């Protein structure tokens, strides 16, 4: 969405920095939830100061986020009136 000079619409963004530590893995459920999955934007930033760990870290976080999104979508399907429709 874009705003112009006459627009009065407000946009709200929540920004989470999970820091990449193993102990923060479970925190991905906070920004990725059934309530937010419909309008969620995720940016994964990789630390290139240690190039040998960049791809494994990226792979780990993408798998974690995909699983959390799938779980949130399943929850929405269970909670909707007709269930998940494919």
C-alpha atoms as a PDB file:
ATOM      1  CA  UNK A   1       0.000   0.000   0.000  1.00  0.00           C
ATOM      2  CA  UNK A   2       1.144   3.489  -0.686  1.00  0.00           C
ATOM      3  CA  UNK A   3       0.169   6.713   0.975  1.00  0.00           C
ATOM      4  CA  UNK A   4      -0.306  10.035  -0.755  1.00  0.00           C
ATOM      5  CA  UNK A   5      -0.579  13.577   0.542  1.00  0.00           C
ATOM      6  CA  UNK A   6      -4.349  13.333   1.062  1.00  0.00           C
ATOM      7  CA  UNK A   7      -4.389   9.897   2.684  1.00  0.00           C
ATOM      8  CA  UNK A   8      -5.334   9.671   6.347  1.00  0.00           C
ATOM      9  CA  UNK A   9      -4.815   5.917   6.643  1.00  0.00           C
ATOM     10  CA  UNK A  10      -2.333   4.813   9.270  1.00  0.00           C
ATOM     11  CA  UNK A  11      -0.079   1.823   9.002  1.00  0.00           C
ATOM     12  CA  UNK A  12       1.257  -0.107  11.956  1.00  0.00           C
ATOM     13  CA  UNK A  13       4.366  -2.267  11.898  1.00  0.00           C
ATOM     14  CA  UNK A  14       5.731  -4.517  14.597  1.00  0.00           C
ATOM     15  CA  UNK A  15       9.438  -5.263  14.213  1.00  0.00           C
ATOM     16  CA  UNK A  16      11.002  -8.221  15.979  1.00  0.00           C
ATOM     17  CA  UNK A  17      14.724  -8.949  16.145  1.00  0.00           C
ATOM     18  CA  UNK A  18      15.149 -12.573  17.146  1.00  0.00           C
ATOM     19  CA  UNK A  19      18.927 -12.321  17.153  1.00  0.00           C
ATOM     20  CA  UNK A  20      19.546 -15.727  15.612  1.00  0.00           C
ATOM     21  CA  UNK A  21      20.306 -17.453  18.910  1.00  0.00           C
ATOM     22  CA  UNK A  22      19.093 -21.022  19.432  1.00  0.00           C
ATOM     23  CA  UNK A  23      17.169 -19.985  22.545  1.00  0.00           C
ATOM     24  CA  UNK A  24      15.099 -17.566  20.414  1.00  0.00           C
ATOM     25  CA  UNK A  25      13.683 -20.231  18.080  1.00  0.00           C
ATOM     26  CA  UNK A  26      10.397 -20.459  19.971  1.00  0.00           C
ATOM     27  CA  UNK A  27       9.928 -16.684  19.757  1.00  0.00           C
ATOM     28  CA  UNK A  28       9.015 -16.989  16.058  1.00  0.00           C
ATOM     29  CA  UNK A  29       5.499 -17.843  17.235  1.00  0.00           C
ATOM     30  CA  UNK A  30       5.011 -14.304  18.467  1.00  0.00           C
ATOM     31  CA  UNK A  31       5.141 -12.440  15.130  1.00  0.00           C
ATOM     32  CA  UNK A  32       3.873 -15.460  13.126  1.00  0.00           C
ATOM     33  CA  UNK A  33       0.454 -16.405  14.473  1.00  0.00           C
ATOM     34  CA  UNK A  34      -3.036 -17.110  13.159  1.00  0.00           C
ATOM     35  CA  UNK A  35      -3.906 -13.468  13.858  1.00  0.00           C
ATOM     36  CA  UNK A  36      -1.027 -12.086  11.774  1.00  0.00           C
ATOM     37  CA  UNK A  37      -0.364 -14.670   9.076  1.00  0.00           C
ATOM     38  CA  UNK A  38      -2.746 -12.999   6.606  1.00  0.00           C
ATOM     39  CA  UNK A  39      -0.765  -9.769   6.346  1.00  0.00           C
ATOM     40  CA  UNK A  40       2.690 -10.788   7.487  1.00  0.00           C
ATOM     41  CA  UNK A  41       5.980  -9.649   5.979  1.00  0.00           C
ATOM     42  CA  UNK A  42       9.152 -11.371   7.125  1.00  0.00           C
ATOM     43  CA  UNK A  43      12.718 -10.266   6.441  1.00  0.00           C
ATOM     44  CA  UNK A  44      15.533 -12.667   7.244  1.00  0.00           C
ATOM     45  CA  UNK A  45      18.900 -10.959   7.638  1.00  0.00           C
ATOM     46  CA  UNK A  46      22.030 -13.111   7.532  1.00  0.00           C
ATOM     47  CA  UNK A  47      25.307 -12.217   9.238  1.00  0.00           C
ATOM     48  CA  UNK A  48      28.026 -12.360   6.576  1.00  0.00           C
ATOM     49  CA  UNK A  49      30.861 -11.781   9.042  1.00  0.00           C
ATOM     50  CA  UNK A  50      31.013 -15.574   9.323  1.00  0.00           C
ATOM     51  CA  UNK A  51      30.306 -16.687   5.717  1.00  0.00           C
ATOM     52  CA  UNK A  52      30.534 -20.396   6.505  1.00  0.00           C
ATOM     53  CA  UNK A  53      27.482 -20.166   8.759  1.00  0.00           C
ATOM     54  CA  UNK A  54      25.311 -17.928   6.549  1.00  0.00           C
ATOM     55  CA  UNK A  55      23.571 -20.619   4.490  1.00  0.00           C
ATOM     56  CA  UNK A  56      22.971 -23.029   7.387  1.00  0.00           C
ATOM     57  CA  UNK A  57      21.513 -20.146   9.429  1.00  0.00           C
ATOM     58  CA  UNK A  58      19.301 -19.042   6.544  1.00  0.00           C
ATOM     59  CA  UNK A  59      18.108 -22.612   6.001  1.00  0.00           C
ATOM     60  CA  UNK A  60      17.326 -23.013   9.708  1.00  0.00           C
ATOM     61  CA  UNK A  61      15.269 -19.820   9.937  1.00  0.00           C
ATOM     62  CA  UNK A  62      13.397 -20.449   6.677  1.00  0.00           C
ATOM     63  CA  UNK A  63      12.411 -23.942   7.843  1.00  0.00           C
ATOM     64  CA  UNK A  64      11.336 -22.576  11.212  1.00  0.00           C
ATOM     65  CA  UNK A  65       9.276 -19.779   9.640  1.00  0.00           C
ATOM     66  CA  UNK A  66       7.664 -22.109   7.090  1.00  0.00           C
ATOM     67  CA  UNK A  67       6.641 -24.478   9.876  1.00  0.00           C
ATOM     68  CA  UNK A  68       5.203 -21.624  11.930  1.00  0.00           C
ATOM     69  CA  UNK A  69       3.237 -20.273   8.942  1.00  0.00           C
ATOM     70  CA  UNK A  70       1.884 -23.762   8.175  1.00  0.00           C
ATOM     71  CA  UNK A  71       0.854 -24.201  11.811  1.00  0.00           C
ATOM     72  CA  UNK A  72      -0.886 -20.815  11.810  1.00  0.00           C
ATOM     73  CA  UNK A  73      -2.747 -21.591   8.586  1.00  0.00           C
ATOM     74  CA  UNK A  74      -3.848 -24.964   9.954  1.00  0.00           C
ATOM     75  CA  UNK A  75      -5.160 -23.237  13.083  1.00  0.00           C
ATOM     76  CA  UNK A  76      -7.107 -20.787  10.931  1.00  0.00           C
ATOM     77  CA  UNK A  77      -8.572 -23.680   8.960  1.00  0.00           C
ATOM     78  CA  UNK A  78      -9.686 -25.454  12.128  1.00  0.00           C
ATOM     79  CA  UNK A  79     -11.178 -22.274  13.573  1.00  0.00           C
ATOM     80  CA  UNK A  80     -13.021 -21.160  10.438  1.00  0.00           C
ATOM     81  CA  UNK A  81     -16.691 -22.042   9.932  1.00  0.00           C
ATOM     82  CA  UNK A  82     -16.176 -24.490   7.080  1.00  0.00           C
ATOM     83  CA  UNK A  83     -12.686 -25.636   7.971  1.00  0.00           C
ATOM     84  CA  UNK A  84      -9.797 -25.490   5.541  1.00  0.00           C
ATOM     85  CA  UNK A  85     -10.996 -25.537   1.933  1.00  0.00           C
ATOM     86  CA  UNK A  86      -8.636 -26.714  -0.788  1.00  0.00           C
END
